[in-house]
């Protein structure tokens, strides 16, 4: 066209998105959860190898999860990760192919033929009776293992993954009953302020959130927990009388089943090995994880705020490409620079030069200071009724859980964090050393609680910025966290909503920056919350795994 001297120009247009099918509005049944999870697994399994996805896949996924409740979204992602686990750690994809079915029939048939030949066509009187019994035991045992393998094959998610299976319709009712045994629910255990995830007998993942606390590790004190796990024997152990029949004996028997944990008491004594010896022998990190890591059940309020914040981000990301890019790369500053929090200068605590590990340690210590310095009236809540969403108690608990979880990932699972591991360790050790010196000067006793330690840190005069006093000699952020805690306390009860939003922002950023292979590795170890967030962020169309929505078009004149 240019050779023909025609006026031409190139313009950039937004690529139109295809219309998606009608999205189901109501809650999902167990089979619908399975079918949708398999559909999105087939669409997004390329995440593990950093593939790019079309804008149509993003719109379809975003529209679906936008209409879901947090509970249904969690159920779908649970099953989706279960399919991912099956690909990497089992042979389910092979077993549910024609070749797999043929070899399964050959294997089972061979054992049946061997058993029949040995029973009907072998003169067993020529052999020792003991050896005959051993042979029967081996053949029947192999047959029993094949039967168990068949049950696992039939009751696997892959069997009913496709919504169109006319041949499987008669057995659908049986599978629905099995799915009811794997369905997780929210339950309030005695002593818990919030609802927690009640994992059934057949669990799809661990259902727990690990935690590592700076103050506890600094003072070498045992980990503490805020929430109680639910277990399948709790109703039995709590039940005393049913229809006049006393079940004290049953309750005592179930209690004695916990004796299997006694060997762990011996292992826990290894934690008292002197630190220099443990470091030289190379298992200091293993002992630290065993001695100072706590495990909490997943709280409903925690998952709700994660789902809500990522959903709100996806809505704001639709405004423009620039906004979407800022949201995807935000490490807490998106929350602080918007709305009611923008009138405060946060640049001291959210500078662009600050690495992710620096922000995690800084906000973790500040969260602990605010948590322990709160008055009892703010944290008091009734154990008989659920706190309202506007009360500070749920946000306070979720902030504490996320704070400990992010430090756990940074210190105990550094492969999942997009940070320079060596620099993160130096910063953590420098902050520990500064805290040790402060506690020694104030003669903090070993028997004193964490609240007293927080009072000592909070009482330090930080009118002069720490960087002006120490320069680059130390990477410690202890007193920077003290300044941050004082700034957060200005919001009174509202600070917990702010802190929880910042932690969700940091968690979602860390989830997208983590290597996919690290997520897959954790799936084989019971699953991590950060992996659920990784998939949730992708399903809401955030991150950098989607193709551009702009196309170039040539306009030619006459």
Protein backbone atom coordinates (compact mmCIF):
# COMPACT_ATOMS: atom_id res chain seq x y z
CA UNK A 1 0.00 0.00 0.00
CA UNK A 2 2.85 2.35 0.72
CA UNK A 3 4.50 1.43 -2.60
CA UNK A 4 1.24 2.46 -4.25
CA UNK A 5 1.43 5.84 -2.50
CA UNK A 6 -1.73 5.18 -0.48
CA UNK A 7 -2.10 7.02 2.84
CA UNK A 8 -1.77 4.47 5.64
CA UNK A 9 -1.49 4.54 9.38
CA UNK A 10 -1.33 1.95 12.15
CA UNK A 11 -3.57 2.21 15.21
CA UNK A 12 -3.83 0.11 18.37
CA UNK A 13 -7.21 -1.25 19.39
CA UNK A 14 -8.51 -3.21 22.34
CA UNK A 15 -9.12 -6.80 21.30
CA UNK A 16 -12.80 -7.63 21.91
CA UNK A 17 -13.48 -10.43 24.37
CA UNK A 18 -15.76 -13.27 23.35
CA UNK A 19 -19.09 -13.65 25.03
CA UNK A 20 -19.09 -16.35 27.69
CA UNK A 21 -21.87 -18.79 28.44
CA UNK A 22 -24.30 -18.12 31.24
CA UNK A 23 -22.63 -18.64 34.61
CA UNK A 24 -24.39 -20.69 37.27
CA UNK A 25 -25.73 -18.39 39.98
CA UNK A 26 -26.57 -20.72 42.87
CA UNK A 27 -24.34 -22.80 45.13
CA UNK A 28 -22.60 -25.72 43.48
CA UNK A 29 -23.39 -29.35 44.18
CA UNK A 30 -20.59 -31.81 44.84
CA UNK A 31 -20.60 -33.14 41.27
CA UNK A 32 -20.74 -29.62 39.82
CA UNK A 33 -17.68 -28.69 41.89
CA UNK A 34 -15.90 -31.71 40.41
CA UNK A 35 -16.87 -30.86 36.83
CA UNK A 36 -15.94 -27.18 37.05
CA UNK A 37 -12.66 -28.04 38.79
CA UNK A 38 -11.73 -30.44 36.00
CA UNK A 39 -12.64 -27.85 33.36
CA UNK A 40 -10.41 -25.19 34.92
CA UNK A 41 -7.67 -27.75 35.52
CA UNK A 42 -7.62 -28.49 31.80
CA UNK A 43 -7.54 -24.75 31.06
CA UNK A 44 -4.95 -23.60 33.64
CA UNK A 45 -2.64 -26.60 34.01
CA UNK A 46 -0.16 -24.71 31.83
CA UNK A 47 0.51 -22.45 34.84
CA UNK A 48 3.08 -24.96 36.07
CA UNK A 49 5.23 -24.30 32.99
CA UNK A 50 4.58 -20.53 32.76
CA UNK A 51 2.34 -20.69 29.70
CA UNK A 52 0.34 -17.66 28.57
CA UNK A 53 -3.47 -17.85 28.45
CA UNK A 54 -5.98 -16.23 26.15
CA UNK A 55 -8.20 -13.35 27.15
CA UNK A 56 -11.19 -15.65 26.60
CA UNK A 57 -9.90 -18.06 29.27
CA UNK A 58 -9.39 -15.12 31.62
CA UNK A 59 -12.89 -13.76 31.10
CA UNK A 60 -14.52 -17.17 31.49
CA UNK A 61 -12.66 -17.90 34.71
CA UNK A 62 -13.16 -14.39 36.10
CA UNK A 63 -16.92 -14.40 35.42
CA UNK A 64 -17.29 -17.83 37.05
CA UNK A 65 -15.42 -17.05 40.25
CA UNK A 66 -17.00 -13.60 40.51
CA UNK A 67 -20.36 -15.33 40.98
CA UNK A 68 -19.07 -17.84 43.54
CA UNK A 69 -19.13 -17.69 47.30
CA UNK A 70 -15.77 -18.02 49.10
CA UNK A 71 -16.79 -21.52 50.24
CA UNK A 72 -17.52 -22.77 46.71
CA UNK A 73 -14.35 -21.16 45.35
CA UNK A 74 -12.31 -23.02 47.98
CA UNK A 75 -14.00 -26.32 47.10
CA UNK A 76 -13.31 -25.88 43.38
CA UNK A 77 -9.64 -25.03 43.95
CA UNK A 78 -9.28 -28.00 46.34
CA UNK A 79 -10.40 -30.43 43.64
CA UNK A 80 -8.40 -28.60 40.96
CA UNK A 81 -5.22 -29.01 43.01
CA UNK A 82 -6.17 -32.66 43.55
CA UNK A 83 -6.15 -33.15 39.77
CA UNK A 84 -2.76 -31.44 39.62
CA UNK A 85 -1.52 -33.78 42.36
CA UNK A 86 -2.77 -36.75 40.36
CA UNK A 87 -0.77 -35.68 37.31
CA UNK A 88 2.55 -35.30 39.15
CA UNK A 89 2.38 -37.85 41.95
CA UNK A 90 0.06 -40.67 40.83
CA UNK A 91 -0.66 -42.70 37.70
CA UNK A 92 -4.33 -41.70 37.48
CA UNK A 93 -4.04 -40.20 33.99
CA UNK A 94 -2.55 -43.46 32.71
CA UNK A 95 -4.99 -45.65 34.64
CA UNK A 96 -7.99 -43.78 33.21
CA UNK A 97 -6.87 -44.36 29.63
CA UNK A 98 -7.68 -47.35 27.41
CA UNK A 99 -4.18 -48.71 27.85
CA UNK A 100 -4.53 -48.39 31.63
CA UNK A 101 -7.83 -50.27 31.65
CA UNK A 102 -6.34 -53.07 29.52
CA UNK A 103 -3.32 -53.52 31.78
CA UNK A 104 -5.51 -53.40 34.91
CA UNK A 105 -7.66 -56.23 33.50
CA UNK A 106 -4.55 -58.21 32.53
CA UNK A 107 -3.02 -57.78 36.00
CA UNK A 108 -6.19 -58.82 37.84
CA UNK A 109 -6.86 -61.69 35.41
CA UNK A 110 -3.32 -63.03 35.81
CA UNK A 111 -3.72 -63.26 39.57
CA UNK A 112 -7.09 -65.02 39.23
CA UNK A 113 -5.62 -67.50 36.73
CA UNK A 114 -2.64 -68.18 39.00
CA UNK A 115 -4.95 -68.76 41.98
CA UNK A 116 -7.20 -71.09 39.95
CA UNK A 117 -4.25 -73.08 38.60
CA UNK A 118 -2.74 -73.47 42.04
CA UNK A 119 -6.03 -74.52 43.63
CA UNK A 120 -7.42 -76.87 40.95
CA UNK A 121 -4.41 -78.11 38.96
CA UNK A 122 -1.67 -78.41 41.53
CA UNK A 123 -0.99 -81.45 43.69
CA UNK A 124 -0.63 -79.58 46.98
CA UNK A 125 0.07 -82.77 48.95
CA UNK A 126 3.61 -82.82 47.54
CA UNK A 127 4.43 -79.52 49.26
CA UNK A 128 4.87 -78.53 52.85
CA UNK A 129 1.48 -77.39 54.31
CA UNK A 130 3.05 -74.22 55.69
CA UNK A 131 4.35 -73.25 52.24
CA UNK A 132 0.92 -73.91 50.75
CA UNK A 133 -0.65 -71.55 53.28
CA UNK A 134 1.97 -68.93 52.48
CA UNK A 135 1.21 -69.25 48.76
CA UNK A 136 -2.53 -68.85 49.36
CA UNK A 137 -1.84 -65.82 51.54
CA UNK A 138 0.29 -64.18 48.86
CA UNK A 139 -2.22 -64.84 46.06
CA UNK A 140 -5.22 -63.72 48.12
CA UNK A 141 -3.28 -60.71 49.35
CA UNK A 142 -2.44 -59.72 45.77
CA UNK A 143 -6.09 -60.17 44.84
CA UNK A 144 -7.14 -57.97 47.77
CA UNK A 145 -4.66 -55.29 46.69
CA UNK A 146 -6.12 -55.39 43.18
CA UNK A 147 -9.59 -54.96 44.66
CA UNK A 148 -8.44 -51.96 46.69
CA UNK A 149 -6.77 -50.53 43.57
CA UNK A 150 -10.06 -50.95 41.70
CA UNK A 151 -11.95 -49.10 44.44
CA UNK A 152 -9.39 -46.28 44.37
CA UNK A 153 -9.69 -46.18 40.58
CA UNK A 154 -13.48 -46.06 40.68
CA UNK A 155 -13.77 -43.51 43.49
CA UNK A 156 -11.10 -41.19 42.11
CA UNK A 157 -12.09 -37.74 40.85
CA UNK A 158 -10.94 -38.66 37.36
CA UNK A 159 -13.75 -41.23 36.97
CA UNK A 160 -16.54 -38.64 37.09
CA UNK A 161 -14.52 -35.65 35.91
CA UNK A 162 -16.43 -35.26 32.65
CA UNK A 163 -20.07 -34.15 33.07
CA UNK A 164 -21.19 -36.42 30.19
CA UNK A 165 -20.82 -40.07 31.19
CA UNK A 166 -24.02 -42.02 30.33
CA UNK A 167 -22.38 -45.31 31.31
CA UNK A 168 -21.63 -43.99 34.79
CA UNK A 169 -25.15 -42.71 35.52
CA UNK A 170 -26.23 -45.79 37.55
CA UNK A 171 -23.23 -45.43 39.87
CA UNK A 172 -23.54 -41.66 40.22
CA UNK A 173 -25.53 -41.96 43.46
CA UNK A 174 -22.76 -44.06 45.04
CA UNK A 175 -20.17 -41.50 44.06
CA UNK A 176 -22.30 -38.66 45.46
CA UNK A 177 -22.21 -40.40 48.83
CA UNK A 178 -18.44 -40.72 48.60
CA UNK A 179 -18.08 -37.02 47.74
CA UNK A 180 -20.06 -36.18 50.86
CA UNK A 181 -17.29 -37.83 52.89
CA UNK A 182 -14.63 -35.65 51.25
CA UNK A 183 -16.55 -32.37 51.49
CA UNK A 184 -14.96 -29.92 53.92
CA UNK A 185 -17.14 -27.64 56.03
CA UNK A 186 -16.82 -24.82 58.55
CA UNK A 187 -17.18 -25.71 62.21
CA UNK A 188 -16.80 -23.87 65.50
CA UNK A 189 -14.75 -25.83 68.01
CA UNK A 190 -15.13 -25.00 71.71
CA UNK A 191 -12.80 -22.12 72.54
CA UNK A 192 -12.53 -20.81 68.97
CA UNK A 193 -13.68 -17.25 68.27
CA UNK A 194 -14.13 -17.96 64.56
CA UNK A 195 -15.22 -20.82 62.33
CA UNK A 196 -12.45 -23.13 61.19
CA UNK A 197 -12.17 -25.67 58.39
CA UNK A 198 -13.38 -29.09 59.54
CA UNK A 199 -11.52 -31.65 57.45
CA UNK A 200 -13.39 -34.96 56.92
CA UNK A 201 -11.97 -38.44 57.19
CA UNK A 202 -10.90 -38.38 53.51
CA UNK A 203 -9.05 -35.07 53.23
CA UNK A 204 -7.92 -33.43 50.01
CA UNK A 205 -5.25 -31.29 51.73
CA UNK A 206 -3.88 -30.58 55.19
CA UNK A 207 -6.34 -27.75 55.89
CA UNK A 208 -3.80 -26.03 58.15
CA UNK A 209 -1.83 -22.78 58.16
CA UNK A 210 1.66 -22.94 59.65
CA UNK A 211 3.14 -20.04 61.59
CA UNK A 212 6.51 -18.80 62.79
CA UNK A 213 6.73 -15.94 65.29
CA UNK A 214 9.70 -13.60 65.65
CA UNK A 215 9.27 -12.91 69.37
CA UNK A 216 8.82 -16.56 70.30
CA UNK A 217 11.88 -17.55 68.31
CA UNK A 218 13.92 -14.70 69.77
CA UNK A 219 13.02 -15.72 73.32
CA UNK A 220 13.22 -19.49 72.54
CA UNK A 221 9.72 -20.06 73.90
CA UNK A 222 7.32 -22.78 72.81
CA UNK A 223 4.86 -21.95 70.02
CA UNK A 224 1.32 -21.04 70.98
CA UNK A 225 -1.89 -21.41 68.98
CA UNK A 226 -5.01 -19.28 68.81
CA UNK A 227 -7.40 -21.81 67.25
CA UNK A 228 -8.22 -25.43 67.90
CA UNK A 229 -8.34 -28.12 65.23
CA UNK A 230 -11.50 -30.15 64.77
CA UNK A 231 -11.15 -33.93 64.63
CA UNK A 232 -13.46 -36.83 63.89
CA UNK A 233 -13.13 -38.21 67.45
CA UNK A 234 -14.18 -34.98 69.20
CA UNK A 235 -17.92 -35.75 69.09
CA UNK A 236 -17.22 -39.21 70.51
CA UNK A 237 -14.92 -38.04 73.28
CA UNK A 238 -17.34 -35.24 74.25
CA UNK A 239 -20.36 -37.53 74.30
CA UNK A 240 -21.07 -39.07 77.70
CA UNK A 241 -24.57 -40.56 77.60
CA UNK A 242 -26.69 -41.68 74.65
CA UNK A 243 -30.10 -43.24 75.35
CA UNK A 244 -29.08 -44.07 78.89
CA UNK A 245 -25.90 -45.88 77.79
CA UNK A 246 -22.70 -44.50 79.26
CA UNK A 247 -19.91 -44.06 76.77
CA UNK A 248 -17.14 -43.14 79.20
CA UNK A 249 -15.35 -46.35 78.28
CA UNK A 250 -15.49 -45.51 74.57
CA UNK A 251 -14.32 -41.95 75.22
CA UNK A 252 -11.39 -43.23 77.31
CA UNK A 253 -10.50 -45.74 74.60
CA UNK A 254 -10.49 -43.04 71.93
CA UNK A 255 -8.35 -40.87 74.19
CA UNK A 256 -5.82 -43.67 74.55
CA UNK A 257 -5.49 -43.84 70.78
CA UNK A 258 -3.52 -40.61 71.07
CA UNK A 259 -0.75 -42.60 72.77
CA UNK A 260 0.67 -43.10 69.28
CA UNK A 261 1.98 -39.53 69.61
CA UNK A 262 4.21 -40.49 72.55
CA UNK A 263 7.28 -41.19 70.37
CA UNK A 264 7.14 -37.53 69.33
CA UNK A 265 7.86 -36.51 72.91
CA UNK A 266 11.24 -38.20 72.61
CA UNK A 267 11.92 -36.48 69.29
CA UNK A 268 11.01 -33.11 70.81
CA UNK A 269 13.85 -33.50 73.31
CA UNK A 270 16.27 -33.21 70.40
CA UNK A 271 15.31 -29.53 70.24
CA UNK A 272 17.38 -28.94 73.39
CA UNK A 273 20.63 -29.79 71.61
CA UNK A 274 22.95 -26.77 71.87
CA UNK A 275 22.68 -24.54 68.82
CA UNK A 276 26.41 -24.59 67.88
CA UNK A 277 26.39 -28.39 67.82
CA UNK A 278 23.18 -28.51 65.79
CA UNK A 279 24.59 -26.05 63.25
CA UNK A 280 27.78 -28.05 62.82
CA UNK A 281 25.77 -31.24 62.36
CA UNK A 282 23.56 -29.53 59.75
CA UNK A 283 20.08 -29.99 61.21
CA UNK A 284 19.51 -26.69 63.01
CA UNK A 285 16.77 -25.64 60.57
CA UNK A 286 15.01 -28.98 61.05
CA UNK A 287 15.05 -28.57 64.83
CA UNK A 288 13.87 -24.95 64.58
CA UNK A 289 10.90 -26.00 62.48
CA UNK A 290 10.02 -28.77 64.90
CA UNK A 291 10.36 -26.57 68.00
CA UNK A 292 9.10 -23.13 66.94
CA UNK A 293 6.55 -23.66 64.13
CA UNK A 294 2.87 -23.67 65.09
CA UNK A 295 -0.03 -25.08 63.08
CA UNK A 296 -3.46 -23.47 62.95
CA UNK A 297 -6.63 -24.61 61.16
CA UNK A 298 -7.75 -22.48 58.24
CA UNK A 299 -10.17 -19.87 59.59
CA UNK A 300 -13.24 -18.97 57.56
CA UNK A 301 -12.65 -15.24 58.10
CA UNK A 302 -9.12 -15.64 56.79
CA UNK A 303 -10.24 -17.24 53.53
CA UNK A 304 -13.16 -14.80 53.21
CA UNK A 305 -10.93 -11.71 53.35
CA UNK A 306 -8.44 -13.25 50.90
CA UNK A 307 -11.24 -14.02 48.46
CA UNK A 308 -12.87 -10.60 48.91
CA UNK A 309 -9.66 -8.61 48.43
CA UNK A 310 -8.57 -10.49 45.30
CA UNK A 311 -12.09 -10.17 43.90
CA UNK A 312 -12.03 -6.39 44.47
CA UNK A 313 -8.62 -6.17 42.81
CA UNK A 314 -9.94 -7.96 39.73
CA UNK A 315 -12.74 -5.40 39.42
CA UNK A 316 -10.33 -2.46 39.67
CA UNK A 317 -7.97 -4.12 37.18
CA UNK A 318 -10.67 -3.79 34.51
CA UNK A 319 -10.34 0.02 34.58
CA UNK A 320 -7.18 0.13 32.50
CA UNK A 321 -4.08 -1.81 31.57
CA UNK A 322 -1.93 0.50 33.70
CA UNK A 323 -4.09 -0.09 36.79
CA UNK A 324 -3.99 -3.85 36.24
CA UNK A 325 -0.19 -3.75 36.05
CA UNK A 326 0.07 -1.72 39.27
CA UNK A 327 -2.25 -4.09 41.11
CA UNK A 328 -0.36 -7.20 39.97
CA UNK A 329 2.99 -5.74 41.10
CA UNK A 330 1.71 -4.26 44.38
CA UNK A 331 3.41 -5.35 47.62
CA UNK A 332 1.06 -3.54 49.99
CA UNK A 333 1.33 -0.02 48.59
CA UNK A 334 -1.91 -0.35 46.57
CA UNK A 335 -3.87 -0.64 49.82
CA UNK A 336 -2.00 2.14 51.62
CA UNK A 337 -2.17 4.63 48.76
CA UNK A 338 -5.92 4.33 48.22
CA UNK A 339 -9.02 5.44 50.08
CA UNK A 340 -8.96 6.49 53.70
CA UNK A 341 -5.29 5.57 54.22
CA UNK A 342 -3.77 7.79 51.52
CA UNK A 343 -3.47 10.91 53.72
CA UNK A 344 -0.54 9.38 55.64
CA UNK A 345 2.98 9.32 54.22
CA UNK A 346 3.82 5.61 54.02
CA UNK A 347 6.97 6.03 51.94
CA UNK A 348 9.19 5.32 54.96
CA UNK A 349 7.70 1.83 55.31
CA UNK A 350 6.82 1.12 51.67
CA UNK A 351 9.77 2.45 49.69
CA UNK A 352 10.25 1.01 46.21
CA UNK A 353 13.79 -0.07 47.13
CA UNK A 354 12.54 -2.32 49.96
CA UNK A 355 12.67 -6.03 49.14
CA UNK A 356 9.80 -8.40 49.87
CA UNK A 357 11.63 -10.00 52.80
CA UNK A 358 12.20 -6.58 54.41
CA UNK A 359 8.51 -5.75 54.22
CA UNK A 360 7.49 -9.12 55.64
CA UNK A 361 9.77 -8.83 58.69
CA UNK A 362 8.84 -5.16 59.19
CA UNK A 363 5.08 -5.74 59.09
CA UNK A 364 5.32 -8.98 61.06
CA UNK A 365 6.94 -7.28 64.07
CA UNK A 366 4.57 -4.29 63.77
CA UNK A 367 1.58 -6.66 63.71
CA UNK A 368 2.85 -8.41 66.84
CA UNK A 369 3.32 -5.08 68.63
CA UNK A 370 -0.22 -3.98 67.79
CA UNK A 371 -1.61 -7.40 68.68
CA UNK A 372 -0.09 -7.54 72.18
CA UNK A 373 -0.53 -3.85 72.94
CA UNK A 374 -4.26 -3.89 72.29
CA UNK A 375 -6.44 -3.52 75.34
CA UNK A 376 -8.33 -6.65 76.48
CA UNK A 377 -11.63 -5.02 75.61
CA UNK A 378 -10.71 -4.93 71.93
CA UNK A 379 -9.91 -8.63 71.75
CA UNK A 380 -12.70 -9.86 74.00
CA UNK A 381 -15.39 -11.73 72.18
CA UNK A 382 -18.18 -14.04 73.17
CA UNK A 383 -17.46 -17.74 72.79
CA UNK A 384 -21.14 -18.47 72.21
CA UNK A 385 -21.81 -16.16 69.28
CA UNK A 386 -20.00 -15.33 66.06
CA UNK A 387 -18.46 -11.85 65.99
CA UNK A 388 -19.88 -9.49 63.43
CA UNK A 389 -17.77 -8.78 60.34
CA UNK A 390 -17.36 -5.15 61.41
CA UNK A 391 -15.86 -6.04 64.80
CA UNK A 392 -12.07 -5.98 65.11
CA UNK A 393 -11.80 -9.56 66.43
CA UNK A 394 -11.97 -11.44 63.06
CA UNK A 395 -9.57 -9.03 61.34
CA UNK A 396 -7.25 -9.15 64.33
CA UNK A 397 -7.10 -12.95 64.19
CA UNK A 398 -6.65 -13.07 60.42
CA UNK A 399 -3.89 -10.44 60.58
CA UNK A 400 -2.04 -12.46 63.22
CA UNK A 401 -2.45 -15.72 61.27
CA UNK A 402 -1.22 -14.17 58.01
CA UNK A 403 1.65 -12.40 59.77
CA UNK A 404 2.98 -15.64 61.29
CA UNK A 405 2.34 -17.55 58.06
CA UNK A 406 4.31 -15.14 55.89
CA UNK A 407 7.27 -15.22 58.27
CA UNK A 408 7.07 -19.03 58.23
CA UNK A 409 7.31 -18.99 54.43
CA UNK A 410 10.21 -16.55 54.51
CA UNK A 411 12.28 -18.37 57.14
CA UNK A 412 11.24 -22.03 56.81
CA UNK A 413 10.22 -22.18 53.12
CA UNK A 414 12.55 -19.69 51.40
CA UNK A 415 12.25 -21.56 48.09
CA UNK A 416 8.67 -20.32 47.84
CA UNK A 417 9.59 -16.66 48.23
CA UNK A 418 10.89 -14.49 45.40
CA UNK A 419 13.70 -13.06 47.50
CA UNK A 420 17.46 -13.34 47.70
CA UNK A 421 17.68 -16.03 50.37
CA UNK A 422 21.07 -14.95 51.68
CA UNK A 423 20.04 -11.32 52.15
CA UNK A 424 16.77 -12.36 53.82
CA UNK A 425 18.68 -14.47 56.34
CA UNK A 426 21.09 -11.62 57.09
CA UNK A 427 18.21 -9.20 57.68
CA UNK A 428 16.40 -11.70 59.92
CA UNK A 429 19.56 -12.47 61.93
CA UNK A 430 20.43 -8.78 62.34
CA UNK A 431 16.92 -8.06 63.63
CA UNK A 432 17.20 -11.00 66.05
CA UNK A 433 20.56 -9.74 67.34
CA UNK A 434 19.16 -6.25 67.94
CA UNK A 435 16.17 -7.68 69.82
CA UNK A 436 18.50 -9.84 71.97
CA UNK A 437 20.55 -6.78 72.94
CA UNK A 438 17.42 -4.81 73.78
CA UNK A 439 15.98 -7.58 75.97
CA UNK A 440 19.31 -8.05 77.78
CA UNK A 441 19.51 -4.34 78.61
CA UNK A 442 15.99 -4.41 80.01
CA UNK A 443 16.56 -7.73 81.84
CA UNK A 444 13.65 -9.55 80.25
CA UNK A 445 13.20 -12.81 82.13
CA UNK A 446 12.63 -16.17 80.46
CA UNK A 447 9.32 -16.61 82.27
CA UNK A 448 7.83 -13.32 81.10
CA UNK A 449 5.27 -13.34 78.30
CA UNK A 450 5.32 -11.90 74.81
CA UNK A 451 3.28 -8.88 75.91
CA UNK A 452 6.09 -7.75 78.18
CA UNK A 453 8.59 -8.13 75.31
CA UNK A 454 6.36 -6.00 73.09
CA UNK A 455 6.13 -3.32 75.80
CA UNK A 456 9.94 -3.13 75.91
CA UNK A 457 10.19 -2.69 72.12
CA UNK A 458 7.29 -0.25 72.03
CA UNK A 459 8.85 1.85 74.79
CA UNK A 460 12.01 2.62 72.80
CA UNK A 461 12.37 6.25 71.74
CA UNK A 462 12.30 6.26 67.93
CA UNK A 463 11.94 10.00 67.27
CA UNK A 464 15.08 9.79 65.15
CA UNK A 465 14.83 7.37 62.24
CA UNK A 466 16.93 4.23 62.85
CA UNK A 467 18.64 4.60 59.48
CA UNK A 468 20.13 7.93 60.62
CA UNK A 469 21.67 6.25 63.68
CA UNK A 470 23.06 2.98 62.33
CA UNK A 471 23.42 3.68 58.60
CA UNK A 472 24.20 0.54 56.62
CA UNK A 473 25.97 -1.26 59.45
CA UNK A 474 22.92 -3.37 60.22
CA UNK A 475 19.97 -4.64 58.18
CA UNK A 476 17.75 -4.77 61.26
CA UNK A 477 14.18 -3.42 60.97
CA UNK A 478 13.22 -3.79 64.65
CA UNK A 479 12.82 -0.11 65.46
CA UNK A 480 11.39 0.68 62.02
CA UNK A 481 8.64 -1.78 62.95
CA UNK A 482 8.16 0.12 66.21
CA UNK A 483 7.62 3.36 64.28
CA UNK A 484 5.19 1.57 61.96
CA UNK A 485 3.20 0.16 64.92
CA UNK A 486 2.82 3.68 66.35
CA UNK A 487 1.55 4.90 62.99
CA UNK A 488 -0.94 2.03 62.78
CA UNK A 489 -2.23 2.66 66.30
CA UNK A 490 -3.58 6.01 65.11
CA UNK A 491 -6.37 4.11 63.34
CA UNK A 492 -7.46 2.43 66.63
CA UNK A 493 -9.89 -0.42 65.82
CA UNK A 494 -9.70 0.27 62.09
CA UNK A 495 -6.04 -0.69 61.97
CA UNK A 496 -6.83 -4.42 61.86
CA UNK A 497 -8.75 -4.11 58.61
CA UNK A 498 -5.81 -2.17 57.16
CA UNK A 499 -3.22 -4.68 58.40
CA UNK A 500 -5.18 -7.66 57.08
CA UNK A 501 -5.49 -6.01 53.64
CA UNK A 502 -1.74 -5.34 53.51
CA UNK A 503 -1.00 -8.96 54.39
CA UNK A 504 -3.34 -10.23 51.67
CA UNK A 505 -1.57 -7.92 49.21
CA UNK A 506 1.83 -9.30 50.24
CA UNK A 507 0.57 -12.89 50.12
CA UNK A 508 -0.94 -12.55 46.64
CA UNK A 509 2.24 -10.92 45.33
CA UNK A 510 4.42 -13.65 46.83
CA UNK A 511 2.11 -16.32 45.36
CA UNK A 512 2.50 -14.98 41.81
CA UNK A 513 6.27 -14.52 42.11
CA UNK A 514 6.86 -18.02 43.49
CA UNK A 515 8.23 -20.54 41.01
CA UNK A 516 5.48 -22.92 39.78
CA UNK A 517 7.71 -25.91 40.56
CA UNK A 518 7.75 -24.84 44.22
CA UNK A 519 3.94 -24.81 44.29
CA UNK A 520 3.84 -28.29 42.75
CA UNK A 521 6.37 -29.52 45.32
CA UNK A 522 4.19 -28.32 48.19
CA UNK A 523 1.12 -30.04 46.71
CA UNK A 524 2.89 -33.34 47.29
CA UNK A 525 3.51 -32.43 50.94
CA UNK A 526 -0.09 -31.67 51.92
CA UNK A 527 -0.60 -28.29 50.28
CA UNK A 528 0.00 -24.69 51.33
CA UNK A 529 -2.36 -21.73 51.55
CA UNK A 530 -0.11 -19.74 49.20
CA UNK A 531 -0.77 -22.30 46.45
CA UNK A 532 -4.53 -21.77 46.83
CA UNK A 533 -3.94 -18.02 46.52
CA UNK A 534 -1.76 -18.60 43.45
CA UNK A 535 -4.63 -20.33 41.64
CA UNK A 536 -7.23 -17.87 42.92
CA UNK A 537 -5.23 -14.90 41.58
CA UNK A 538 -4.96 -16.60 38.19
CA UNK A 539 -8.68 -17.42 38.11
CA UNK A 540 -9.55 -13.77 38.73
CA UNK A 541 -7.42 -12.74 35.75
CA UNK A 542 -4.59 -11.09 37.69
CA UNK A 543 -0.88 -11.69 37.28
CA UNK A 544 1.30 -11.75 34.17
CA UNK A 545 0.17 -15.07 32.66
CA UNK A 546 -2.36 -13.64 30.19
CA UNK A 547 -1.91 -12.41 26.65
CA UNK A 548 -2.20 -8.72 25.81
CA UNK A 549 -5.65 -7.38 24.98
CA UNK A 550 -4.45 -4.95 22.30
CA UNK A 551 -4.04 -5.56 18.57
CA UNK A 552 -2.52 -3.45 15.79
CA UNK A 553 -4.70 -2.51 12.80
CA UNK A 554 -3.64 -0.95 9.51
CA UNK A 555 -5.87 1.85 8.18
CA UNK A 556 -5.51 2.65 4.49
CA UNK A 557 -6.91 5.74 2.78
CA UNK A 558 -8.13 6.14 -0.76
